[in-house]
C-alpha atoms as a PDB file:
ATOM      1  CA  MET A   1      97.072 167.380 109.093  1.00  0.00           C
ATOM      2  CA  THR A   2      99.896 164.947 110.227  1.00  0.00           C
ATOM      3  CA  SER A   3      97.232 162.779 112.634  1.00  0.00           C
ATOM      4  CA  GLN A   4      95.486 162.644 109.116  1.00  0.00           C
ATOM      5  CA  TYR A   5      98.539 161.581 107.414  1.00  0.00           C
ATOM      6  CA  ASP A   6      99.363 158.911 109.926  1.00  0.00           C
ATOM      7  CA  ARG A   7      95.829 157.937 110.000  1.00  0.00           C
ATOM      8  CA  ARG A   8      95.916 157.302 105.539  1.00  0.00           C
ATOM      9  CA  SER A   9      99.855 155.455 106.626  1.00  0.00           C
ATOM     10  CA  VAL A  10      98.306 153.066 109.405  1.00  0.00           C
ATOM     11  CA  LEU A  11      95.051 152.827 106.721  1.00  0.00           C
ATOM     12  CA  ARG A  12      96.721 151.987 104.050  1.00  0.00           C
ATOM     13  CA  TRP A  13      99.499 149.671 105.293  1.00  0.00           C
ATOM     14  CA  ALA A  14      96.425 147.549 107.015  1.00  0.00           C
ATOM     15  CA  ALA A  15      95.491 147.543 103.717  1.00  0.00           C
ATOM     16  CA  THR A  16      98.652 146.235 101.951  1.00  0.00           C
ATOM     17  CA  VAL A  17      99.547 143.981 104.825  1.00  0.00           C
ATOM     18  CA  ALA A  18      95.517 142.508 105.280  1.00  0.00           C
ATOM     19  CA  GLY A  19      95.762 141.850 100.574  1.00  0.00           C
ATOM     20  CA  VAL A  20      99.024 140.447 101.428  1.00  0.00           C
ATOM     21  CA  GLY A  21      97.474 137.707 103.756  1.00  0.00           C
ATOM     22  CA  ILE A  22      94.800 137.206 101.562  1.00  0.00           C
ATOM     23  CA  SER A  23      97.088 136.702  98.526  1.00  0.00           C
ATOM     24  CA  ALA A  24      99.329 134.147 101.023  1.00  0.00           C
ATOM     25  CA  ILE A  25      96.635 132.602 101.538  1.00  0.00           C
ATOM     26  CA  SER A  26      95.127 131.556  98.575  1.00  0.00           C
ATOM     27  CA  ALA A  27      98.216 130.869  97.597  1.00  0.00           C
ATOM     28  CA  THR A  28      98.816 128.024 100.234  1.00  0.00           C
ATOM     29  CA  PRO A  29      96.877 125.059 100.010  1.00  0.00           C
ATOM     30  CA  ILE A  30      95.074 124.659 103.657  1.00  0.00           C
ATOM     31  CA  GLY A  31      94.429 121.796 106.271  1.00  0.00           C
ATOM     32  CA  ALA A  32      94.129 118.268 105.321  1.00  0.00           C
ATOM     33  CA  GLN A  33      94.201 118.577 100.884  1.00  0.00           C
ATOM     34  CA  ALA A  34      97.745 120.557 101.141  1.00  0.00           C
ATOM     35  CA  GLU A  35      99.376 117.187 102.561  1.00  0.00           C
ATOM     36  CA  ALA A  36      99.824 114.807 100.045  1.00  0.00           C
ATOM     37  CA  PRO A  37      97.912 111.778 101.119  1.00  0.00           C
ATOM     38  CA  VAL A  38      99.753 109.251 104.536  1.00  0.00           C
ATOM     39  CA  SER A  39     100.198 105.472 102.933  1.00  0.00           C
ATOM     40  CA  LEU A  40      98.104 103.514 105.328  1.00  0.00           C
ATOM     41  CA  LYS A  41      98.344  98.900 105.386  1.00  0.00           C
ATOM     42  CA  PHE A  42      96.149  97.502 107.515  1.00  0.00           C
ATOM     43  CA  SER A  43      99.075  95.633 109.458  1.00  0.00           C
ATOM     44  CA  GLU A  44      99.676  99.700 110.371  1.00  0.00           C
ATOM     45  CA  PHE A  45      96.491  99.725 112.165  1.00  0.00           C
ATOM     46  CA  TYR A  46      98.352  98.879 115.460  1.00  0.00           C
ATOM     47  CA  ASP A  47     100.893  98.119 117.387  1.00  0.00           C
ATOM     48  CA  ALA A  48     102.750  94.926 118.367  1.00  0.00           C
ATOM     49  CA  SER A  49     101.470  94.736 121.701  1.00  0.00           C
ATOM     50  CA  THR A  50      97.337  94.555 120.988  1.00  0.00           C
ATOM     51  CA  THR A  51      95.671  91.272 122.047  1.00  0.00           C
ATOM     52  CA  PRO A  52      92.243  90.038 121.041  1.00  0.00           C
ATOM     53  CA  LEU A  53      90.659  91.635 123.818  1.00  0.00           C
ATOM     54  CA  GLN A  54      92.300  94.839 123.543  1.00  0.00           C
ATOM     55  CA  PHE A  55      93.037  96.417 120.602  1.00  0.00           C
ATOM     56  CA  ASN A  56      96.303  99.055 121.074  1.00  0.00           C
ATOM     57  CA  LEU A  57      96.498 102.016 117.975  1.00  0.00           C
ATOM     58  CA  SER A  58      99.678 102.881 116.756  1.00  0.00           C
ATOM     59  CA  GLN A  59     101.508 105.705 116.343  1.00  0.00           C
ATOM     60  CA  LYS A  60     101.294 106.062 112.897  1.00  0.00           C
ATOM     61  CA  LEU A  61      97.555 105.860 113.099  1.00  0.00           C
ATOM     62  CA  LEU A  62      97.211 107.999 115.723  1.00  0.00           C
ATOM     63  CA  SER A  63      99.385 110.567 114.283  1.00  0.00           C
ATOM     64  CA  ALA A  64      97.347 109.924 111.214  1.00  0.00           C
ATOM     65  CA  ASN A  65      93.855 111.269 112.470  1.00  0.00           C
ATOM     66  CA  GLY A  66      92.527 114.042 110.882  1.00  0.00           C
ATOM     67  CA  ARG A  67      94.746 113.638 107.985  1.00  0.00           C
ATOM     68  CA  ARG A  68      94.145 112.419 104.037  1.00  0.00           C
ATOM     69  CA  VAL A  69      95.662 109.486 104.118  1.00  0.00           C
ATOM     70  CA  THR A  70      95.473 106.044 101.329  1.00  0.00           C
ATOM     71  CA  VAL A  71      94.588 102.548 102.313  1.00  0.00           C
ATOM     72  CA  SER A  72      94.016  99.760  99.545  1.00  0.00           C
ATOM     73  CA  GLY A  73      91.392  96.624 100.138  1.00  0.00           C
ATOM     74  CA  TRP A  74      88.413  95.239  99.726  1.00  0.00           C
ATOM     75  CA  VAL A  75      84.911  96.548  99.811  1.00  0.00           C
ATOM     76  CA  ALA A  76      82.806  93.927 101.875  1.00  0.00           C
ATOM     77  CA  PRO A  77      79.737  93.012 100.437  1.00  0.00           C
ATOM     78  CA  PRO A  78      77.140  96.251 101.370  1.00  0.00           C
ATOM     79  CA  LEU A  79      74.340  95.940 102.996  1.00  0.00           C
ATOM     80  CA  LYS A  80      72.346  97.537 100.597  1.00  0.00           C
ATOM     81  CA  PRO A  81      73.250  98.689  96.497  1.00  0.00           C
ATOM     82  CA  ASP A  82      72.997 102.840  97.277  1.00  0.00           C
ATOM     83  CA  LEU A  83      74.440 103.134 100.417  1.00  0.00           C
ATOM     84  CA  ASP A  84      76.597 106.325 100.908  1.00  0.00           C
ATOM     85  CA  PHE A  85      79.305 104.191 102.898  1.00  0.00           C
ATOM     86  CA  PHE A  86      81.237 100.928 102.536  1.00  0.00           C
ATOM     87  CA  VAL A  87      82.945  98.695 105.028  1.00  0.00           C
ATOM     88  CA  LEU A  88      87.129  98.207 103.549  1.00  0.00           C
ATOM     89  CA  THR A  89      88.873  94.993 105.264  1.00  0.00           C
ATOM     90  CA  ARG A  90      92.362  93.236 104.611  1.00  0.00           C
ATOM     91  CA  ARG A  91      90.539  90.120 103.294  1.00  0.00           C
ATOM     92  CA  ARG A  92      87.602  89.292 102.256  1.00  0.00           C
ATOM     93  CA  LEU A  93      84.328  89.861 104.617  1.00  0.00           C
ATOM     94  CA  GLY A  94      80.709  88.326 104.662  1.00  0.00           C
ATOM     95  CA  VAL A  95      79.264  90.339 107.441  1.00  0.00           C
ATOM     96  CA  CYS A  96      77.921  93.736 109.310  1.00  0.00           C
ATOM     97  CA  PRO A  97      80.955  94.223 111.299  1.00  0.00           C
ATOM     98  CA  PHE A  98      80.246  97.418 112.882  1.00  0.00           C
ATOM     99  CA  CYS A  99      77.068  96.351 113.957  1.00  0.00           C
ATOM    100  CA  SER A 100      78.414  95.773 117.446  1.00  0.00           C
ATOM    101  CA  SER A 101      80.317  97.650 120.498  1.00  0.00           C
ATOM    102  CA  SER A 102      84.413  97.651 119.986  1.00  0.00           C
ATOM    103  CA  ALA A 103      85.079  94.577 122.519  1.00  0.00           C
ATOM    104  CA  ASP A 104      83.219  92.754 118.711  1.00  0.00           C
ATOM    105  CA  TRP A 105      85.472  95.413 116.739  1.00  0.00           C
ATOM    106  CA  PRO A 106      87.813  93.256 113.558  1.00  0.00           C
ATOM    107  CA  GLU A 107      91.132  94.156 114.342  1.00  0.00           C
ATOM    108  CA  ASP A 108      91.510  94.403 109.852  1.00  0.00           C
ATOM    109  CA  ILE A 109      88.327  97.443 108.466  1.00  0.00           C
ATOM    110  CA  ILE A 110      87.688 100.594 108.335  1.00  0.00           C
ATOM    111  CA  LEU A 111      84.635 102.062 107.587  1.00  0.00           C
ATOM    112  CA  VAL A 112      84.634 104.186 104.720  1.00  0.00           C
ATOM    113  CA  THR A 113      81.687 107.100 103.798  1.00  0.00           C
ATOM    114  CA  LEU A 114      81.579 108.517 100.775  1.00  0.00           C
ATOM    115  CA  THR A 115      81.437 112.486 100.895  1.00  0.00           C
ATOM    116  CA  ASP A 116      80.660 114.376  97.428  1.00  0.00           C
ATOM    117  CA  PHE A 117      80.347 110.919  95.002  1.00  0.00           C
ATOM    118  CA  SER A 118      78.747 107.933  95.389  1.00  0.00           C
ATOM    119  CA  TYR A 119      80.651 104.556  94.541  1.00  0.00           C
ATOM    120  CA  ARG A 120      78.396 101.212  93.104  1.00  0.00           C
ATOM    121  CA  ASN A 121      79.601  98.196  94.264  1.00  0.00           C
ATOM    122  CA  SER A 122      79.133  95.270  92.418  1.00  0.00           C
ATOM    123  CA  GLY A 123      77.280  93.554  95.361  1.00  0.00           C
ATOM    124  CA  GLU A 124      80.878  91.490  94.997  1.00  0.00           C
ATOM    125  CA  PRO A 125      83.917  92.424  97.185  1.00  0.00           C
ATOM    126  CA  GLU A 126      86.249  94.280  95.218  1.00  0.00           C
ATOM    127  CA  PRO A 127      89.953  95.990  95.846  1.00  0.00           C
ATOM    128  CA  VAL A 128      89.706  99.993  96.099  1.00  0.00           C
ATOM    129  CA  THR A 129      92.291 102.013  96.806  1.00  0.00           C
ATOM    130  CA  VAL A 130      90.042 104.864  98.743  1.00  0.00           C
ATOM    131  CA  THR A 131      92.041 108.754  99.862  1.00  0.00           C
ATOM    132  CA  GLY A 132      90.578 110.640 102.040  1.00  0.00           C
ATOM    133  CA  LEU A 133      89.764 111.936 105.813  1.00  0.00           C
ATOM    134  CA  LEU A 134      91.305 109.688 108.623  1.00  0.00           C
ATOM    135  CA  GLU A 135      89.062 110.247 111.807  1.00  0.00           C
ATOM    136  CA  VAL A 136      90.228 107.712 115.150  1.00  0.00           C
ATOM    137  CA  GLY A 137      88.503 107.059 117.618  1.00  0.00           C
ATOM    138  CA  GLU A 138      84.964 105.259 119.188  1.00  0.00           C
ATOM    139  CA  ALA A 139      81.936 106.627 116.901  1.00  0.00           C
ATOM    140  CA  THR A 140      78.069 105.478 116.838  1.00  0.00           C
ATOM    141  CA  ASP A 141      76.541 106.853 113.657  1.00  0.00           C
ATOM    142  CA  GLU A 142      73.030 108.531 114.662  1.00  0.00           C
ATOM    143  CA  THR A 143      71.284 107.698 111.422  1.00  0.00           C
ATOM    144  CA  THR A 144      72.221 104.030 111.575  1.00  0.00           C
ATOM    145  CA  GLY A 145      73.177 103.183 114.305  1.00  0.00           C
ATOM    146  CA  PHE A 146      76.178 101.561 113.541  1.00  0.00           C
ATOM    147  CA  PHE A 147      80.273 101.419 115.888  1.00  0.00           C
ATOM    148  CA  SER A 148      82.550 102.089 114.395  1.00  0.00           C
ATOM    149  CA  LEU A 149      86.564 102.523 115.438  1.00  0.00           C
ATOM    150  CA  LEU A 150      88.082 103.997 112.095  1.00  0.00           C
ATOM    151  CA  ARG A 151      86.367 106.148 109.803  1.00  0.00           C
ATOM    152  CA  LEU A 152      87.724 107.104 106.626  1.00  0.00           C
ATOM    153  CA  ARG A 153      85.646 110.396 104.605  1.00  0.00           C
ATOM    154  CA  ALA A 154      86.583 109.609 101.225  1.00  0.00           C
ATOM    155  CA  GLU A 155      87.777 111.755  98.477  1.00  0.00           C
ATOM    156  CA  ARG A 156      87.975 108.799  96.086  1.00  0.00           C
ATOM    157  CA  VAL A 157      87.437 105.803  95.855  1.00  0.00           C
ATOM    158  CA  ASP A 158      89.388 103.281  92.478  1.00  0.00           C
ATOM    159  CA  GLU A 159      90.083 100.473  90.897  1.00  0.00           C
ATOM    160  CA  TYR A 160      93.274  98.228  92.731  1.00  0.00           C
ATOM    161  CA  ARG A 161      94.492  95.153  90.331  1.00  0.00           C
ATOM    162  CA  LEU A 162      96.300  92.670  92.618  1.00  0.00           C
ATOM    163  CA  ALA A 163      98.963  91.737  91.666  1.00  0.00           C
END
């Protein structure tokens, strides 16, 4: 009888702990979505030692890798109107900046991919604020073959009003 009581106590305790754990997990937001987004400016992407031949990523940018960020800039004109990505730039840009390698990578752009929503650009450069998950590091998209150094997996794109 004692061993049965002990087993019941253990099972009851385990169920209580599991229930508390599940409650705590569901009450606490998990991962990047729990954090307020880090505000990034294009001027904060690279450190002062960056040269035209070598980009040195800033500590702020590196520490934001894998986290939610907000970046404001200009949408570069799309290659086609119905793409699920665009390039965000510090200023107006009319060429495809990520069709080459890191040697030619402009310092003031970020590739924005759209996940669960669509964003339709007018075909003209327009100012926006993008919030999403930042990915840092060289990558080539398997589908398009496009190269990128920085990627922002957008959760939302908002119109930005210039002052």
